[in-house]
Amino acid sequence: MLFLVAALLLLGLVMGTVAHAPLTFTVVAAIVIAGWLGIFALRERHGRRRAARTN
């Protein structure tokens, strides 16, 4: 999933509205999104393990 975020960021830098934003803003936004996706993945993994134990 993080590979997908990196690929979309690179695509946005080459073409699209991200190319018009400052590089520092783009990097910070990418880090925030990657962090959010990482936390989401950890919560999902933890939730599925917990649900599997109760069944």
PDB file of N, CA and C in Angstrom:
ATOM      1  N   MET A   1       0.823  -1.185   0.000  1.00  0.00           N
ATOM      2  CA  MET A   1       0.000   0.000   0.000  1.00  0.00           C
ATOM      3  C   MET A   1       0.876   1.261   0.000  1.00  0.00           C
ATOM      4  N   LEU A   2       1.954   1.221   0.750  1.00  0.00           N
ATOM      5  CA  LEU A   2       2.846   2.383   0.758  1.00  0.00           C
ATOM      6  C   LEU A   2       3.498   2.580  -0.606  1.00  0.00           C
ATOM      7  N   PHE A   3       3.721   1.467  -1.322  1.00  0.00           N
ATOM      8  CA  PHE A   3       4.250   1.575  -2.685  1.00  0.00           C
ATOM      9  C   PHE A   3       3.267   2.332  -3.566  1.00  0.00           C
ATOM     10  N   LEU A   4       1.977   2.076  -3.381  1.00  0.00           N
ATOM     11  CA  LEU A   4       0.950   2.772  -4.153  1.00  0.00           C
ATOM     12  C   LEU A   4       0.962   4.270  -3.861  1.00  0.00           C
ATOM     13  N   VAL A   5       1.116   4.634  -2.594  1.00  0.00           N
ATOM     14  CA  VAL A   5       1.189   6.052  -2.223  1.00  0.00           C
ATOM     15  C   VAL A   5       2.402   6.707  -2.871  1.00  0.00           C
ATOM     16  N   ALA A   6       3.540   6.038  -2.827  1.00  0.00           N
ATOM     17  CA  ALA A   6       4.753   6.593  -3.447  1.00  0.00           C
ATOM     18  C   ALA A   6       4.581   6.736  -4.955  1.00  0.00           C
ATOM     19  N   ALA A   7       3.968   5.744  -5.589  1.00  0.00           N
ATOM     20  CA  ALA A   7       3.760   5.808  -7.036  1.00  0.00           C
ATOM     21  C   ALA A   7       2.826   6.958  -7.400  1.00  0.00           C
ATOM     22  N   LEU A   8       1.755   7.135  -6.635  1.00  0.00           N
ATOM     23  CA  LEU A   8       0.835   8.236  -6.919  1.00  0.00           C
ATOM     24  C   LEU A   8       1.491   9.593  -6.676  1.00  0.00           C
ATOM     25  N   LEU A   9       2.328   9.682  -5.651  1.00  0.00           N
ATOM     26  CA  LEU A   9       3.039  10.927  -5.401  1.00  0.00           C
ATOM     27  C   LEU A   9       3.973  11.266  -6.564  1.00  0.00           C
ATOM     28  N   LEU A  10       4.716  10.275  -7.028  1.00  0.00           N
ATOM     29  CA  LEU A  10       5.615  10.515  -8.159  1.00  0.00           C
ATOM     30  C   LEU A  10       4.837  10.887  -9.412  1.00  0.00           C
ATOM     31  N   LEU A  11       3.708  10.225  -9.632  1.00  0.00           N
ATOM     32  CA  LEU A  11       2.881  10.568 -10.781  1.00  0.00           C
ATOM     33  C   LEU A  11       2.362  11.992 -10.652  1.00  0.00           C
ATOM     34  N   GLY A  12       1.980  12.380  -9.447  1.00  0.00           N
ATOM     35  CA  GLY A  12       1.506  13.740  -9.217  1.00  0.00           C
ATOM     36  C   GLY A  12       2.588  14.777  -9.413  1.00  0.00           C
ATOM     37  N   LEU A  13       3.826  14.430  -9.086  1.00  0.00           N
ATOM     38  CA  LEU A  13       4.929  15.370  -9.304  1.00  0.00           C
ATOM     39  C   LEU A  13       5.195  15.568 -10.794  1.00  0.00           C
ATOM     40  N   VAL A  14       5.046  14.498 -11.549  1.00  0.00           N
ATOM     41  CA  VAL A  14       5.312  14.595 -12.984  1.00  0.00           C
ATOM     42  C   VAL A  14       4.178  15.321 -13.699  1.00  0.00           C
ATOM     43  N   MET A  15       2.958  15.002 -13.321  1.00  0.00           N
ATOM     44  CA  MET A  15       1.813  15.630 -13.980  1.00  0.00           C
ATOM     45  C   MET A  15       0.688  15.793 -12.975  1.00  0.00           C
ATOM     46  N   GLY A  16       0.016  16.884 -13.008  1.00  0.00           N
ATOM     47  CA  GLY A  16      -1.100  17.097 -12.102  1.00  0.00           C
ATOM     48  C   GLY A  16      -0.913  18.316 -11.222  1.00  0.00           C
ATOM     49  N   THR A  17      -1.848  18.512 -10.325  1.00  0.00           N
ATOM     50  CA  THR A  17      -1.842  19.712  -9.497  1.00  0.00           C
ATOM     51  C   THR A  17      -0.774  19.680  -8.425  1.00  0.00           C
ATOM     52  N   VAL A  18      -0.295  18.509  -8.048  1.00  0.00           N
ATOM     53  CA  VAL A  18       0.759  18.433  -7.031  1.00  0.00           C
ATOM     54  C   VAL A  18       2.031  19.111  -7.531  1.00  0.00           C
ATOM     55  N   ALA A  19       2.224  19.139  -8.827  1.00  0.00           N
ATOM     56  CA  ALA A  19       3.414  19.778  -9.395  1.00  0.00           C
ATOM     57  C   ALA A  19       3.404  21.281  -9.137  1.00  0.00           C
ATOM     58  N   HIS A  20       2.225  21.866  -8.890  1.00  0.00           N
ATOM     59  CA  HIS A  20       2.134  23.294  -8.648  1.00  0.00           C
ATOM     60  C   HIS A  20       2.265  23.650  -7.168  1.00  0.00           C
ATOM     61  N   ALA A  21       2.216  22.653  -6.301  1.00  0.00           N
ATOM     62  CA  ALA A  21       2.373  22.885  -4.865  1.00  0.00           C
ATOM     63  C   ALA A  21       3.866  22.897  -4.524  1.00  0.00           C
ATOM     64  N   PRO A  22       4.244  23.601  -3.471  1.00  0.00           N
ATOM     65  CA  PRO A  22       5.657  23.574  -3.061  1.00  0.00           C
ATOM     66  C   PRO A  22       6.090  22.153  -2.682  1.00  0.00           C
ATOM     67  N   LEU A  23       7.344  21.840  -2.918  1.00  0.00           N
ATOM     68  CA  LEU A  23       7.859  20.503  -2.651  1.00  0.00           C
ATOM     69  C   LEU A  23       7.734  20.144  -1.173  1.00  0.00           C
ATOM     70  N   THR A  24       7.987  21.096  -0.284  1.00  0.00           N
ATOM     71  CA  THR A  24       7.894  20.789   1.150  1.00  0.00           C
ATOM     72  C   THR A  24       6.470  20.423   1.536  1.00  0.00           C
ATOM     73  N   PHE A  25       5.479  21.117   0.987  1.00  0.00           N
ATOM     74  CA  PHE A  25       4.079  20.779   1.262  1.00  0.00           C
ATOM     75  C   PHE A  25       3.752  19.382   0.762  1.00  0.00           C
ATOM     76  N   THR A  26       4.228  19.050  -0.427  1.00  0.00           N
ATOM     77  CA  THR A  26       3.974  17.735  -1.006  1.00  0.00           C
ATOM     78  C   THR A  26       4.586  16.637  -0.146  1.00  0.00           C
ATOM     79  N   VAL A  27       5.803  16.844   0.313  1.00  0.00           N
ATOM     80  CA  VAL A  27       6.485  15.841   1.143  1.00  0.00           C
ATOM     81  C   VAL A  27       5.761  15.674   2.481  1.00  0.00           C
ATOM     82  N   VAL A  28       5.388  16.780   3.091  1.00  0.00           N
ATOM     83  CA  VAL A  28       4.677  16.705   4.370  1.00  0.00           C
ATOM     84  C   VAL A  28       3.334  16.001   4.188  1.00  0.00           C
ATOM     85  N   ALA A  29       2.606  16.326   3.146  1.00  0.00           N
ATOM     86  CA  ALA A  29       1.326  15.673   2.877  1.00  0.00           C
ATOM     87  C   ALA A  29       1.515  14.178   2.644  1.00  0.00           C
ATOM     88  N   ALA A  30       2.553  13.808   1.915  1.00  0.00           N
ATOM     89  CA  ALA A  30       2.821  12.390   1.661  1.00  0.00           C
ATOM     90  C   ALA A  30       3.153  11.655   2.958  1.00  0.00           C
ATOM     91  N   ILE A  31       3.912  12.287   3.843  1.00  0.00           N
ATOM     92  CA  ILE A  31       4.257  11.662   5.123  1.00  0.00           C
ATOM     93  C   ILE A  31       3.012  11.493   5.987  1.00  0.00           C
ATOM     94  N   VAL A  32       2.159  12.505   6.001  1.00  0.00           N
ATOM     95  CA  VAL A  32       0.922  12.411   6.787  1.00  0.00           C
ATOM     96  C   VAL A  32       0.036  11.290   6.257  1.00  0.00           C
ATOM     97  N   ILE A  33      -0.126  11.215   4.958  1.00  0.00           N
ATOM     98  CA  ILE A  33      -0.964  10.168   4.363  1.00  0.00           C
ATOM     99  C   ILE A  33      -0.366   8.796   4.620  1.00  0.00           C
ATOM    100  N   ALA A  34       0.944   8.652   4.468  1.00  0.00           N
ATOM    101  CA  ALA A  34       1.598   7.364   4.719  1.00  0.00           C
ATOM    102  C   ALA A  34       1.454   6.958   6.183  1.00  0.00           C
ATOM    103  N   GLY A  35       1.572   7.906   7.088  1.00  0.00           N
ATOM    104  CA  GLY A  35       1.384   7.611   8.507  1.00  0.00           C
ATOM    105  C   GLY A  35      -0.033   7.165   8.804  1.00  0.00           C
ATOM    106  N   TRP A  36      -0.997   7.864   8.221  1.00  0.00           N
ATOM    107  CA  TRP A  36      -2.395   7.506   8.423  1.00  0.00           C
ATOM    108  C   TRP A  36      -2.676   6.103   7.889  1.00  0.00           C
ATOM    109  N   LEU A  37      -2.150   5.789   6.706  1.00  0.00           N
ATOM    110  CA  LEU A  37      -2.352   4.449   6.148  1.00  0.00           C
ATOM    111  C   LEU A  37      -1.662   3.383   6.995  1.00  0.00           C
ATOM    112  N   GLY A  38      -0.492   3.704   7.544  1.00  0.00           N
ATOM    113  CA  GLY A  38       0.207   2.748   8.410  1.00  0.00           C
ATOM    114  C   GLY A  38      -0.570   2.477   9.681  1.00  0.00           C
ATOM    115  N   ILE A  39      -1.103   3.523  10.297  1.00  0.00           N
ATOM    116  CA  ILE A  39      -1.910   3.348  11.509  1.00  0.00           C
ATOM    117  C   ILE A  39      -3.171   2.554  11.184  1.00  0.00           C
ATOM    118  N   PHE A  40      -3.802   2.864  10.068  1.00  0.00           N
ATOM    119  CA  PHE A  40      -5.000   2.134   9.655  1.00  0.00           C
ATOM    120  C   PHE A  40      -4.690   0.652   9.457  1.00  0.00           C
ATOM    121  N   ALA A  41      -3.568   0.351   8.807  1.00  0.00           N
ATOM    122  CA  ALA A  41      -3.195  -1.050   8.572  1.00  0.00           C
ATOM    123  C   ALA A  41      -2.941  -1.779   9.885  1.00  0.00           C
ATOM    124  N   LEU A  42      -2.266  -1.117  10.821  1.00  0.00           N
ATOM    125  CA  LEU A  42      -2.017  -1.747  12.118  1.00  0.00           C
ATOM    126  C   LEU A  42      -3.313  -2.004  12.877  1.00  0.00           C
ATOM    127  N   ARG A  43      -4.229  -1.046  12.844  1.00  0.00           N
ATOM    128  CA  ARG A  43      -5.510  -1.225  13.536  1.00  0.00           C
ATOM    129  C   ARG A  43      -6.326  -2.347  12.901  1.00  0.00           C
ATOM    130  N   GLU A  44      -6.295  -2.432  11.573  1.00  0.00           N
ATOM    131  CA  GLU A  44      -7.015  -3.505  10.891  1.00  0.00           C
ATOM    132  C   GLU A  44      -6.416  -4.868  11.233  1.00  0.00           C
ATOM    133  N   ARG A  45      -5.103  -4.952  11.237  1.00  0.00           N
ATOM    134  CA  ARG A  45      -4.449  -6.220  11.563  1.00  0.00           C
ATOM    135  C   ARG A  45      -4.767  -6.631  12.997  1.00  0.00           C
ATOM    136  N   HIS A  46      -4.696  -5.670  13.903  1.00  0.00           N
ATOM    137  CA  HIS A  46      -4.988  -5.946  15.306  1.00  0.00           C
ATOM    138  C   HIS A  46      -6.449  -6.359  15.475  1.00  0.00           C
ATOM    139  N   GLY A  47      -7.353  -5.703  14.784  1.00  0.00           N
ATOM    140  CA  GLY A  47      -8.771  -6.025  14.867  1.00  0.00           C
ATOM    141  C   GLY A  47      -9.086  -7.396  14.317  1.00  0.00           C
ATOM    142  N   ARG A  48      -8.442  -7.787  13.242  1.00  0.00           N
ATOM    143  CA  ARG A  48      -8.695  -9.120  12.655  1.00  0.00           C
ATOM    144  C   ARG A  48      -8.136 -10.215  13.542  1.00  0.00           C
ATOM    145  N   ARG A  49      -6.991  -9.982  14.147  1.00  0.00           N
ATOM    146  CA  ARG A  49      -6.446 -10.989  15.069  1.00  0.00           C
ATOM    147  C   ARG A  49      -7.363 -11.159  16.262  1.00  0.00           C
ATOM    148  N   ARG A  50      -7.867 -10.062  16.752  1.00  0.00           N
ATOM    149  CA  ARG A  50      -8.758 -10.102  17.919  1.00  0.00           C
ATOM    150  C   ARG A  50     -10.064 -10.816  17.569  1.00  0.00           C
ATOM    151  N   ALA A  51     -10.615 -10.556  16.391  1.00  0.00           N
ATOM    152  CA  ALA A  51     -11.858 -11.186  15.956  1.00  0.00           C
ATOM    153  C   ALA A  51     -11.651 -12.684  15.715  1.00  0.00           C
ATOM    154  N   ALA A  52     -10.485 -13.073  15.223  1.00  0.00           N
ATOM    155  CA  ALA A  52     -10.210 -14.482  14.956  1.00  0.00           C
ATOM    156  C   ALA A  52     -10.124 -15.275  16.253  1.00  0.00           C
ATOM    157  N   ARG A  53      -9.647 -14.646  17.314  1.00  0.00           N
ATOM    158  CA  ARG A  53      -9.538 -15.331  18.600  1.00  0.00           C
ATOM    159  C   ARG A  53     -10.900 -15.575  19.240  1.00  0.00           C
ATOM    160  N   THR A  54     -11.839 -14.672  19.022  1.00  0.00           N
ATOM    161  CA  THR A  54     -13.154 -14.809  19.647  1.00  0.00           C
ATOM    162  C   THR A  54     -14.050 -15.798  18.937  1.00  0.00           C
ATOM    163  N   ASN A  55     -13.764 -16.101  17.667  1.00  0.00           N
ATOM    164  CA  ASN A  55     -14.615 -17.034  16.911  1.00  0.00           C
ATOM    165  C   ASN A  55     -14.288 -18.452  17.243  1.00  0.00           C
TER     166      ASN A  55
END
